[in-house]
PDB file of all heavy atoms in Angstrom:
ATOM      1  N   ILE A   1       0.858  -1.139  -0.016  1.00  0.00           N
ATOM      2  CA  ILE A   1       0.099   0.030   0.015  1.00  0.00           C
ATOM      3  C   ILE A   1       0.918   1.262  -0.006  1.00  0.00           C
ATOM      4  O   ILE A   1       1.654   1.437   0.851  1.00  0.00           O
ATOM      5  CB  ILE A   1      -0.993   0.040   1.186  1.00  0.00           C
ATOM      6  CG1 ILE A   1      -1.868  -1.152   1.138  1.00  0.00           C
ATOM      7  CG2 ILE A   1      -1.808   1.306   1.231  1.00  0.00           C
ATOM      8  CD1 ILE A   1      -2.786  -1.331   2.473  1.00  0.00           C
ATOM      9  N   LEU A   2       0.678   2.058  -1.045  1.00  0.00           N
ATOM     10  CA  LEU A   2       1.457   3.300  -1.213  1.00  0.00           C
ATOM     11  C   LEU A   2       0.510   4.529  -0.895  1.00  0.00           C
ATOM     12  O   LEU A   2      -0.610   4.547  -1.448  1.00  0.00           O
ATOM     13  CB  LEU A   2       2.156   3.478  -2.408  1.00  0.00           C
ATOM     14  CG  LEU A   2       3.166   2.441  -2.814  1.00  0.00           C
ATOM     15  CD1 LEU A   2       3.622   2.586  -4.234  1.00  0.00           C
ATOM     16  CD2 LEU A   2       4.389   2.532  -1.827  1.00  0.00           C
ATOM     17  N   HIS A   3       0.821   5.355  -0.049  1.00  0.00           N
ATOM     18  CA  HIS A   3       0.025   6.623   0.332  1.00  0.00           C
ATOM     19  C   HIS A   3       0.458   7.827  -0.478  1.00  0.00           C
ATOM     20  O   HIS A   3      -0.282   8.736  -0.790  1.00  0.00           O
ATOM     21  CB  HIS A   3       0.003   6.842   1.715  1.00  0.00           C
ATOM     22  CG  HIS A   3      -0.636   5.675   2.451  1.00  0.00           C
ATOM     23  ND1 HIS A   3      -1.936   5.423   2.577  1.00  0.00           N
ATOM     24  CD2 HIS A   3       0.045   4.590   3.136  1.00  0.00           C
ATOM     25  CE1 HIS A   3      -2.098   4.337   3.262  1.00  0.00           C
ATOM     26  NE2 HIS A   3      -0.903   3.852   3.692  1.00  0.00           N
ATOM     27  N   LEU A   4       1.814   7.969  -0.695  1.00  0.00           N
ATOM     28  CA  LEU A   4       2.394   9.278  -1.127  1.00  0.00           C
ATOM     29  C   LEU A   4       3.207   8.989  -2.357  1.00  0.00           C
ATOM     30  O   LEU A   4       3.130   9.734  -3.389  1.00  0.00           O
ATOM     31  CB  LEU A   4       3.144  10.034  -0.043  1.00  0.00           C
ATOM     32  CG  LEU A   4       3.702  11.254  -0.348  1.00  0.00           C
ATOM     33  CD1 LEU A   4       2.623  12.234  -0.753  1.00  0.00           C
ATOM     34  CD2 LEU A   4       4.557  11.831   0.867  1.00  0.00           C
ATOM     35  N   ILE A   5       4.098   8.011  -2.301  1.00  0.00           N
ATOM     36  CA  ILE A   5       5.023   7.719  -3.348  1.00  0.00           C
ATOM     37  C   ILE A   5       4.260   7.171  -4.606  1.00  0.00           C
ATOM     38  O   ILE A   5       3.372   6.319  -4.451  1.00  0.00           O
ATOM     39  CB  ILE A   5       6.140   6.794  -2.939  1.00  0.00           C
ATOM     40  CG1 ILE A   5       6.990   7.557  -1.893  1.00  0.00           C
ATOM     41  CG2 ILE A   5       7.092   6.294  -4.158  1.00  0.00           C
ATOM     42  CD1 ILE A   5       8.077   6.647  -1.326  1.00  0.00           C
ATOM     43  N   PRO A   6       4.556   7.573  -5.880  1.00  0.00           N
ATOM     44  CA  PRO A   6       3.822   7.062  -7.054  1.00  0.00           C
ATOM     45  C   PRO A   6       3.952   5.604  -7.052  1.00  0.00           C
ATOM     46  O   PRO A   6       4.981   4.912  -6.802  1.00  0.00           O
ATOM     47  CB  PRO A   6       4.562   7.765  -8.158  1.00  0.00           C
ATOM     48  CG  PRO A   6       5.045   9.029  -7.587  1.00  0.00           C
ATOM     49  CD  PRO A   6       5.442   8.678  -6.285  1.00  0.00           C
ATOM     50  N   SER A   7       2.973   4.870  -7.665  1.00  0.00           N
ATOM     51  CA  SER A   7       2.866   3.347  -7.785  1.00  0.00           C
ATOM     52  C   SER A   7       3.992   2.896  -8.655  1.00  0.00           C
ATOM     53  O   SER A   7       4.361   1.650  -8.476  1.00  0.00           O
ATOM     54  CB  SER A   7       1.495   2.995  -8.217  1.00  0.00           C
ATOM     55  OG  SER A   7       0.449   3.467  -7.391  1.00  0.00           O
ATOM     56  N   GLY A   8       4.417   3.647  -9.619  1.00  0.00           N
ATOM     57  CA  GLY A   8       5.476   3.244 -10.470  1.00  0.00           C
ATOM     58  C   GLY A   8       6.924   2.924  -9.802  1.00  0.00           C
ATOM     59  O   GLY A   8       7.694   2.286 -10.487  1.00  0.00           O
ATOM     60  N   ILE A   9       7.030   3.100  -8.506  1.00  0.00           N
ATOM     61  CA  ILE A   9       8.266   3.026  -7.812  1.00  0.00           C
ATOM     62  C   ILE A   9       8.660   1.410  -7.855  1.00  0.00           C
ATOM     63  O   ILE A   9       9.812   1.094  -7.601  1.00  0.00           O
ATOM     64  CB  ILE A   9       8.108   3.537  -6.435  1.00  0.00           C
ATOM     65  CG1 ILE A   9       9.481   3.749  -5.814  1.00  0.00           C
ATOM     66  CG2 ILE A   9       7.204   2.633  -5.467  1.00  0.00           C
ATOM     67  CD1 ILE A   9      10.183   4.862  -6.395  1.00  0.00           C
ATOM     68  N   LEU A  10       7.682   0.588  -8.076  1.00  0.00           N
ATOM     69  CA  LEU A  10       7.936  -0.860  -7.976  1.00  0.00           C
ATOM     70  C   LEU A  10       8.572  -1.404  -9.106  1.00  0.00           C
ATOM     71  O   LEU A  10       9.106  -2.581  -9.181  1.00  0.00           O
ATOM     72  CB  LEU A  10       6.671  -1.630  -7.713  1.00  0.00           C
ATOM     73  CG  LEU A  10       5.855  -1.205  -6.505  1.00  0.00           C
ATOM     74  CD1 LEU A  10       4.532  -2.057  -6.450  1.00  0.00           C
ATOM     75  CD2 LEU A  10       6.558  -1.398  -5.223  1.00  0.00           C
ATOM     76  N   HIS A  11       8.795  -0.600 -10.213  1.00  0.00           N
ATOM     77  CA  HIS A  11       9.334  -1.014 -11.506  1.00  0.00           C
ATOM     78  C   HIS A  11      10.695  -0.514 -11.828  1.00  0.00           C
ATOM     79  O   HIS A  11      11.122   0.499 -11.377  1.00  0.00           O
ATOM     80  CB  HIS A  11       8.243  -0.577 -12.609  1.00  0.00           C
ATOM     81  CG  HIS A  11       6.928  -1.133 -12.489  1.00  0.00           C
ATOM     82  ND1 HIS A  11       6.555  -2.331 -12.990  1.00  0.00           N
ATOM     83  CD2 HIS A  11       5.873  -0.681 -11.827  1.00  0.00           C
ATOM     84  CE1 HIS A  11       5.330  -2.625 -12.718  1.00  0.00           C
ATOM     85  NE2 HIS A  11       4.846  -1.584 -11.970  1.00  0.00           N
ATOM     86  N   ASP A  12      11.388  -1.274 -12.552  1.00  0.00           N
ATOM     87  CA  ASP A  12      12.771  -0.994 -12.997  1.00  0.00           C
ATOM     88  C   ASP A  12      12.744   0.073 -14.043  1.00  0.00           C
ATOM     89  O   ASP A  12      11.773   0.363 -14.871  1.00  0.00           O
ATOM     90  CB  ASP A  12      13.482  -2.159 -13.616  1.00  0.00           C
ATOM     91  CG  ASP A  12      13.821  -3.213 -12.593  1.00  0.00           C
ATOM     92  OD1 ASP A  12      14.336  -2.865 -11.555  1.00  0.00           O
ATOM     93  OD2 ASP A  12      13.431  -4.374 -12.830  1.00  0.00           O
ATOM     94  N   HIS A  13      13.764   1.086 -13.995  1.00  0.00           N
ATOM     95  CA  HIS A  13      14.019   1.892 -15.082  1.00  0.00           C
ATOM     96  C   HIS A  13      12.964   2.921 -15.331  1.00  0.00           C
ATOM     97  O   HIS A  13      12.612   3.334 -16.485  1.00  0.00           O
ATOM     98  CB  HIS A  13      14.341   1.248 -16.390  1.00  0.00           C
ATOM     99  CG  HIS A  13      15.597   0.377 -16.323  1.00  0.00           C
ATOM    100  ND1 HIS A  13      16.827   0.759 -16.165  1.00  0.00           N
ATOM    101  CD2 HIS A  13      15.612  -1.031 -16.279  1.00  0.00           C
ATOM    102  CE1 HIS A  13      17.713  -0.260 -16.023  1.00  0.00           C
ATOM    103  NE2 HIS A  13      16.918  -1.437 -16.123  1.00  0.00           N
ATOM    104  N   LYS A  14      12.299   3.425 -14.237  1.00  0.00           N
ATOM    105  CA  LYS A  14      11.320   4.437 -14.405  1.00  0.00           C
ATOM    106  C   LYS A  14      11.702   5.703 -13.611  1.00  0.00           C
ATOM    107  O   LYS A  14      12.587   5.636 -12.845  1.00  0.00           O
ATOM    108  CB  LYS A  14       9.877   3.953 -13.622  1.00  0.00           C
ATOM    109  CG  LYS A  14       9.411   2.543 -14.210  1.00  0.00           C
ATOM    110  CD  LYS A  14       9.044   2.589 -15.469  1.00  0.00           C
ATOM    111  CE  LYS A  14       8.630   1.142 -16.052  1.00  0.00           C
ATOM    112  NZ  LYS A  14       8.252   1.233 -17.437  1.00  0.00           N
ATOM    113  N   ILE A  15      11.025   6.794 -13.950  1.00  0.00           N
ATOM    114  CA  ILE A  15      11.195   8.043 -13.197  1.00  0.00           C
ATOM    115  C   ILE A  15       9.848   8.340 -12.588  1.00  0.00           C
ATOM    116  O   ILE A  15       8.794   8.313 -13.170  1.00  0.00           O
ATOM    117  CB  ILE A  15      11.556   9.250 -14.185  1.00  0.00           C
ATOM    118  CG1 ILE A  15      12.852   8.989 -14.766  1.00  0.00           C
ATOM    119  CG2 ILE A  15      11.487  10.544 -13.337  1.00  0.00           C
ATOM    120  CD1 ILE A  15      13.249  10.061 -15.879  1.00  0.00           C
ATOM    121  N   CYS A  16       9.864   8.516 -11.243  1.00  0.00           N
ATOM    122  CA  CYS A  16       8.691   8.657 -10.425  1.00  0.00           C
ATOM    123  C   CYS A  16       8.803  10.130  -9.858  1.00  0.00           C
ATOM    124  O   CYS A  16       9.818  10.435  -9.289  1.00  0.00           O
ATOM    125  CB  CYS A  16       8.536   7.674  -9.280  1.00  0.00           C
ATOM    126  SG  CYS A  16       8.160   5.979  -9.917  1.00  0.00           S
ATOM    127  N   ILE A  17       7.621  10.846  -9.959  1.00  0.00           N
ATOM    128  CA  ILE A  17       7.702  12.370  -9.549  1.00  0.00           C
ATOM    129  C   ILE A  17       6.490  12.580  -8.655  1.00  0.00           C
ATOM    130  O   ILE A  17       5.328  12.221  -8.975  1.00  0.00           O
ATOM    131  CB  ILE A  17       7.653  13.143 -10.825  1.00  0.00           C
ATOM    132  CG1 ILE A  17       8.946  13.101 -11.592  1.00  0.00           C
ATOM    133  CG2 ILE A  17       7.174  14.626 -10.555  1.00  0.00           C
ATOM    134  CD1 ILE A  17       8.959  13.789 -12.930  1.00  0.00           C
ATOM    135  N   ILE A  18       6.768  13.220  -7.603  1.00  0.00           N
ATOM    136  CA  ILE A  18       5.781  13.813  -6.739  1.00  0.00           C
ATOM    137  C   ILE A  18       5.636  15.306  -7.143  1.00  0.00           C
ATOM    138  O   ILE A  18       6.662  16.065  -6.787  1.00  0.00           O
ATOM    139  CB  ILE A  18       6.021  13.689  -5.281  1.00  0.00           C
ATOM    140  CG1 ILE A  18       6.128  12.242  -4.862  1.00  0.00           C
ATOM    141  CG2 ILE A  18       5.051  14.455  -4.423  1.00  0.00           C
ATOM    142  CD1 ILE A  18       6.539  11.912  -3.444  1.00  0.00           C
ATOM    143  N   GLY A  19       4.555  15.683  -7.786  1.00  0.00           N
ATOM    144  CA  GLY A  19       4.423  17.031  -8.471  1.00  0.00           C
ATOM    145  C   GLY A  19       4.141  18.102  -7.523  1.00  0.00           C
ATOM    146  O   GLY A  19       3.751  17.959  -6.368  1.00  0.00           O
ATOM    147  N   ASN A  20       4.145  19.406  -8.036  1.00  0.00           N
ATOM    148  CA  ASN A  20       3.852  20.612  -7.232  1.00  0.00           C
ATOM    149  C   ASN A  20       2.564  20.633  -6.675  1.00  0.00           C
ATOM    150  O   ASN A  20       2.225  21.347  -5.706  1.00  0.00           O
ATOM    151  CB  ASN A  20       4.267  21.756  -7.948  1.00  0.00           C
ATOM    152  CG  ASN A  20       3.570  21.885  -9.282  1.00  0.00           C
ATOM    153  OD1 ASN A  20       3.958  21.330 -10.387  1.00  0.00           O
ATOM    154  ND2 ASN A  20       2.320  22.561  -9.365  1.00  0.00           N
ATOM    155  N   GLY A  21       1.521  19.902  -7.321  1.00  0.00           N
ATOM    156  CA  GLY A  21       0.244  19.916  -6.872  1.00  0.00           C
ATOM    157  C   GLY A  21      -0.053  19.018  -5.645  1.00  0.00           C
ATOM    158  O   GLY A  21      -1.201  19.135  -5.143  1.00  0.00           O
ATOM    159  N   VAL A  22       0.891  18.295  -5.316  1.00  0.00           N
ATOM    160  CA  VAL A  22       0.741  17.439  -4.125  1.00  0.00           C
ATOM    161  C   VAL A  22       1.039  18.147  -2.854  1.00  0.00           C
ATOM    162  O   VAL A  22       1.794  19.117  -2.896  1.00  0.00           O
ATOM    163  CB  VAL A  22       1.664  16.182  -4.314  1.00  0.00           C
ATOM    164  CG1 VAL A  22       1.623  15.288  -2.973  1.00  0.00           C
ATOM    165  CG2 VAL A  22       1.396  15.373  -5.509  1.00  0.00           C
ATOM    166  N   VAL A  23       0.462  17.798  -1.716  1.00  0.00           N
ATOM    167  CA  VAL A  23       0.854  18.254  -0.412  1.00  0.00           C
ATOM    168  C   VAL A  23       1.684  17.128   0.169  1.00  0.00           C
ATOM    169  O   VAL A  23       1.241  15.990   0.229  1.00  0.00           O
ATOM    170  CB  VAL A  23      -0.235  18.751   0.434  1.00  0.00           C
ATOM    171  CG1 VAL A  23      -0.762  20.164  -0.020  1.00  0.00           C
ATOM    172  CG2 VAL A  23      -1.392  17.775   0.600  1.00  0.00           C
ATOM    173  N   PHE A  24       2.860  17.519   0.777  1.00  0.00           N
ATOM    174  CA  PHE A  24       3.931  16.495   1.039  1.00  0.00           C
ATOM    175  C   PHE A  24       4.217  16.400   2.515  1.00  0.00           C
ATOM    176  O   PHE A  24       4.524  17.361   3.121  1.00  0.00           O
ATOM    177  CB  PHE A  24       5.154  16.977   0.171  1.00  0.00           C
ATOM    178  CG  PHE A  24       6.386  16.077   0.417  1.00  0.00           C
ATOM    179  CD1 PHE A  24       6.457  14.871  -0.241  1.00  0.00           C
ATOM    180  CD2 PHE A  24       7.404  16.603   1.158  1.00  0.00           C
ATOM    181  CE1 PHE A  24       7.658  14.118  -0.014  1.00  0.00           C
ATOM    182  CE2 PHE A  24       8.602  15.873   1.387  1.00  0.00           C
ATOM    183  CZ  PHE A  24       8.671  14.568   0.758  1.00  0.00           C
ATOM    184  N   ASP A  25       3.994  15.131   3.075  1.00  0.00           N
ATOM    185  CA  ASP A  25       4.501  14.938   4.411  1.00  0.00           C
ATOM    186  C   ASP A  25       5.784  14.199   4.385  1.00  0.00           C
ATOM    187  O   ASP A  25       5.832  13.107   4.092  1.00  0.00           O
ATOM    188  CB  ASP A  25       3.360  14.088   5.168  1.00  0.00           C
ATOM    189  CG  ASP A  25       3.699  13.951   6.648  1.00  0.00           C
ATOM    190  OD1 ASP A  25       4.802  13.917   7.059  1.00  0.00           O
ATOM    191  OD2 ASP A  25       2.653  13.925   7.336  1.00  0.00           O
ATOM    192  N   PRO A  26       6.923  14.892   4.710  1.00  0.00           N
ATOM    193  CA  PRO A  26       8.266  14.311   4.737  1.00  0.00           C
ATOM    194  C   PRO A  26       8.444  13.017   5.551  1.00  0.00           C
ATOM    195  O   PRO A  26       9.131  12.147   5.262  1.00  0.00           O
ATOM    196  CB  PRO A  26       9.160  15.495   5.068  1.00  0.00           C
ATOM    197  CG  PRO A  26       8.311  16.308   5.875  1.00  0.00           C
ATOM    198  CD  PRO A  26       6.941  16.310   5.304  1.00  0.00           C
ATOM    199  N   LYS A  27       7.718  13.040   6.734  1.00  0.00           N
ATOM    200  CA  LYS A  27       7.733  11.886   7.643  1.00  0.00           C
ATOM    201  C   LYS A  27       7.194  10.661   7.036  1.00  0.00           C
ATOM    202  O   LYS A  27       7.807   9.664   7.043  1.00  0.00           O
ATOM    203  CB  LYS A  27       7.083  12.218   8.969  1.00  0.00           C
ATOM    204  CG  LYS A  27       7.238  11.197  10.037  1.00  0.00           C
ATOM    205  CD  LYS A  27       6.484  11.522  11.270  1.00  0.00           C
ATOM    206  CE  LYS A  27       6.631  10.480  12.399  1.00  0.00           C
ATOM    207  NZ  LYS A  27       5.921  10.956  13.619  1.00  0.00           N
ATOM    208  N   VAL A  28       5.943  10.814   6.343  1.00  0.00           N
ATOM    209  CA  VAL A  28       5.398   9.774   5.644  1.00  0.00           C
ATOM    210  C   VAL A  28       6.266   9.354   4.514  1.00  0.00           C
ATOM    211  O   VAL A  28       6.366   8.130   4.225  1.00  0.00           O
ATOM    212  CB  VAL A  28       4.063  10.139   5.120  1.00  0.00           C
ATOM    213  CG1 VAL A  28       3.328   9.074   4.300  1.00  0.00           C
ATOM    214  CG2 VAL A  28       3.148  10.434   6.322  1.00  0.00           C
ATOM    215  N   PHE A  29       6.764  10.237   3.806  1.00  0.00           N
ATOM    216  CA  PHE A  29       7.649  10.016   2.503  1.00  0.00           C
ATOM    217  C   PHE A  29       8.838   9.050   3.062  1.00  0.00           C
ATOM    218  O   PHE A  29       9.168   8.039   2.436  1.00  0.00           O
ATOM    219  CB  PHE A  29       8.186  11.260   2.073  1.00  0.00           C
ATOM    220  CG  PHE A  29       9.112  11.090   0.826  1.00  0.00           C
ATOM    221  CD1 PHE A  29       8.628  10.662  -0.397  1.00  0.00           C
ATOM    222  CD2 PHE A  29      10.482  11.392   1.083  1.00  0.00           C
ATOM    223  CE1 PHE A  29       9.567  10.688  -1.427  1.00  0.00           C
ATOM    224  CE2 PHE A  29      11.375  11.221   0.017  1.00  0.00           C
ATOM    225  CZ  PHE A  29      10.989  10.851  -1.227  1.00  0.00           C
ATOM    226  N   LEU A  30       9.478   9.442   4.079  1.00  0.00           N
ATOM    227  CA  LEU A  30      10.742   8.653   4.635  1.00  0.00           C
ATOM    228  C   LEU A  30      10.340   7.300   5.086  1.00  0.00           C
ATOM    229  O   LEU A  30      11.010   6.348   4.899  1.00  0.00           O
ATOM    230  CB  LEU A  30      11.432   9.497   5.599  1.00  0.00           C
ATOM    231  CG  LEU A  30      12.062  10.828   5.190  1.00  0.00           C
ATOM    232  CD1 LEU A  30      12.448  11.668   6.303  1.00  0.00           C
ATOM    233  CD2 LEU A  30      13.359  10.479   4.311  1.00  0.00           C
ATOM    234  N   GLN A  31       9.139   7.232   5.802  1.00  0.00           N
ATOM    235  CA  GLN A  31       8.707   5.951   6.224  1.00  0.00           C
ATOM    236  C   GLN A  31       8.328   5.023   5.105  1.00  0.00           C
ATOM    237  O   GLN A  31       8.707   3.823   5.089  1.00  0.00           O
ATOM    238  CB  GLN A  31       7.479   6.097   7.056  1.00  0.00           C
ATOM    239  CG  GLN A  31       7.009   4.766   7.679  1.00  0.00           C
ATOM    240  CD  GLN A  31       7.921   3.950   8.588  1.00  0.00           C
ATOM    241  OE1 GLN A  31       8.648   4.623   9.235  1.00  0.00           O
ATOM    242  NE2 GLN A  31       7.888   2.729   8.537  1.00  0.00           N
ATOM    243  N   GLU A  32       7.704   5.478   4.037  1.00  0.00           N
ATOM    244  CA  GLU A  32       7.436   4.637   2.866  1.00  0.00           C
ATOM    245  C   GLU A  32       8.768   4.262   2.122  1.00  0.00           C
ATOM    246  O   GLU A  32       8.848   3.014   1.705  1.00  0.00           O
ATOM    247  CB  GLU A  32       6.496   5.428   1.924  1.00  0.00           C
ATOM    248  CG  GLU A  32       5.117   5.542   2.322  1.00  0.00           C
ATOM    249  CD  GLU A  32       4.100   6.008   1.167  1.00  0.00           C
ATOM    250  OE1 GLU A  32       4.532   6.078   0.021  1.00  0.00           O
ATOM    251  OE2 GLU A  32       2.988   6.202   1.607  1.00  0.00           O
ATOM    252  N   LEU A  33       9.708   5.218   2.064  1.00  0.00           N
ATOM    253  CA  LEU A  33      10.886   4.831   1.514  1.00  0.00           C
ATOM    254  C   LEU A  33      11.639   3.669   2.182  1.00  0.00           C
ATOM    255  O   LEU A  33      12.208   2.770   1.616  1.00  0.00           O
ATOM    256  CB  LEU A  33      11.898   6.028   1.476  1.00  0.00           C
ATOM    257  CG  LEU A  33      11.879   6.998   0.307  1.00  0.00           C
ATOM    258  CD1 LEU A  33      12.907   8.082   0.441  1.00  0.00           C
ATOM    259  CD2 LEU A  33      12.185   6.243  -0.925  1.00  0.00           C
ATOM    260  N   LYS A  34      11.672   3.800   3.486  1.00  0.00           N
ATOM    261  CA  LYS A  34      12.238   2.813   4.427  1.00  0.00           C
ATOM    262  C   LYS A  34      11.580   1.469   4.141  1.00  0.00           C
ATOM    263  O   LYS A  34      12.205   0.482   4.010  1.00  0.00           O
ATOM    264  CB  LYS A  34      12.049   3.220   5.863  1.00  0.00           C
ATOM    265  CG  LYS A  34      12.620   2.216   6.845  1.00  0.00           C
ATOM    266  CD  LYS A  34      12.484   2.818   8.274  1.00  0.00           C
ATOM    267  CE  LYS A  34      13.101   1.950   9.363  1.00  0.00           C
ATOM    268  NZ  LYS A  34      12.336   0.803   9.686  1.00  0.00           N
ATOM    269  N   GLU A  35      10.213   1.399   4.165  1.00  0.00           N
ATOM    270  CA  GLU A  35       9.578   0.140   3.921  1.00  0.00           C
ATOM    271  C   GLU A  35       9.832  -0.492   2.549  1.00  0.00           C
ATOM    272  O   GLU A  35       9.959  -1.652   2.393  1.00  0.00           O
ATOM    273  CB  GLU A  35       8.007   0.328   4.122  1.00  0.00           C
ATOM    274  CG  GLU A  35       7.675   0.663   5.597  1.00  0.00           C
ATOM    275  CD  GLU A  35       6.185   1.027   5.808  1.00  0.00           C
ATOM    276  OE1 GLU A  35       5.486   1.104   4.796  1.00  0.00           O
ATOM    277  OE2 GLU A  35       5.825   1.364   6.904  1.00  0.00           O
ATOM    278  N   LEU A  36       9.874   0.481   1.503  1.00  0.00           N
ATOM    279  CA  LEU A  36      10.085  -0.097   0.171  1.00  0.00           C
ATOM    280  C   LEU A  36      11.562  -0.671   0.125  1.00  0.00           C
ATOM    281  O   LEU A  36      11.770  -1.754  -0.480  1.00  0.00           O
ATOM    282  CB  LEU A  36       9.982   1.049  -0.917  1.00  0.00           C
ATOM    283  CG  LEU A  36       8.631   1.454  -1.147  1.00  0.00           C
ATOM    284  CD1 LEU A  36       8.565   2.887  -1.929  1.00  0.00           C
ATOM    285  CD2 LEU A  36       7.810   0.449  -1.899  1.00  0.00           C
TER     286      LEU A  36
END
């Protein structure tokens, strides 16, 4: 389950972007990165 990071993160050779229209929680971002 991904809440913030784009779903494409699971695939090889992709570029994943969190755009300017998103509101960004850095704590959640770092936790998702850790779990991934």
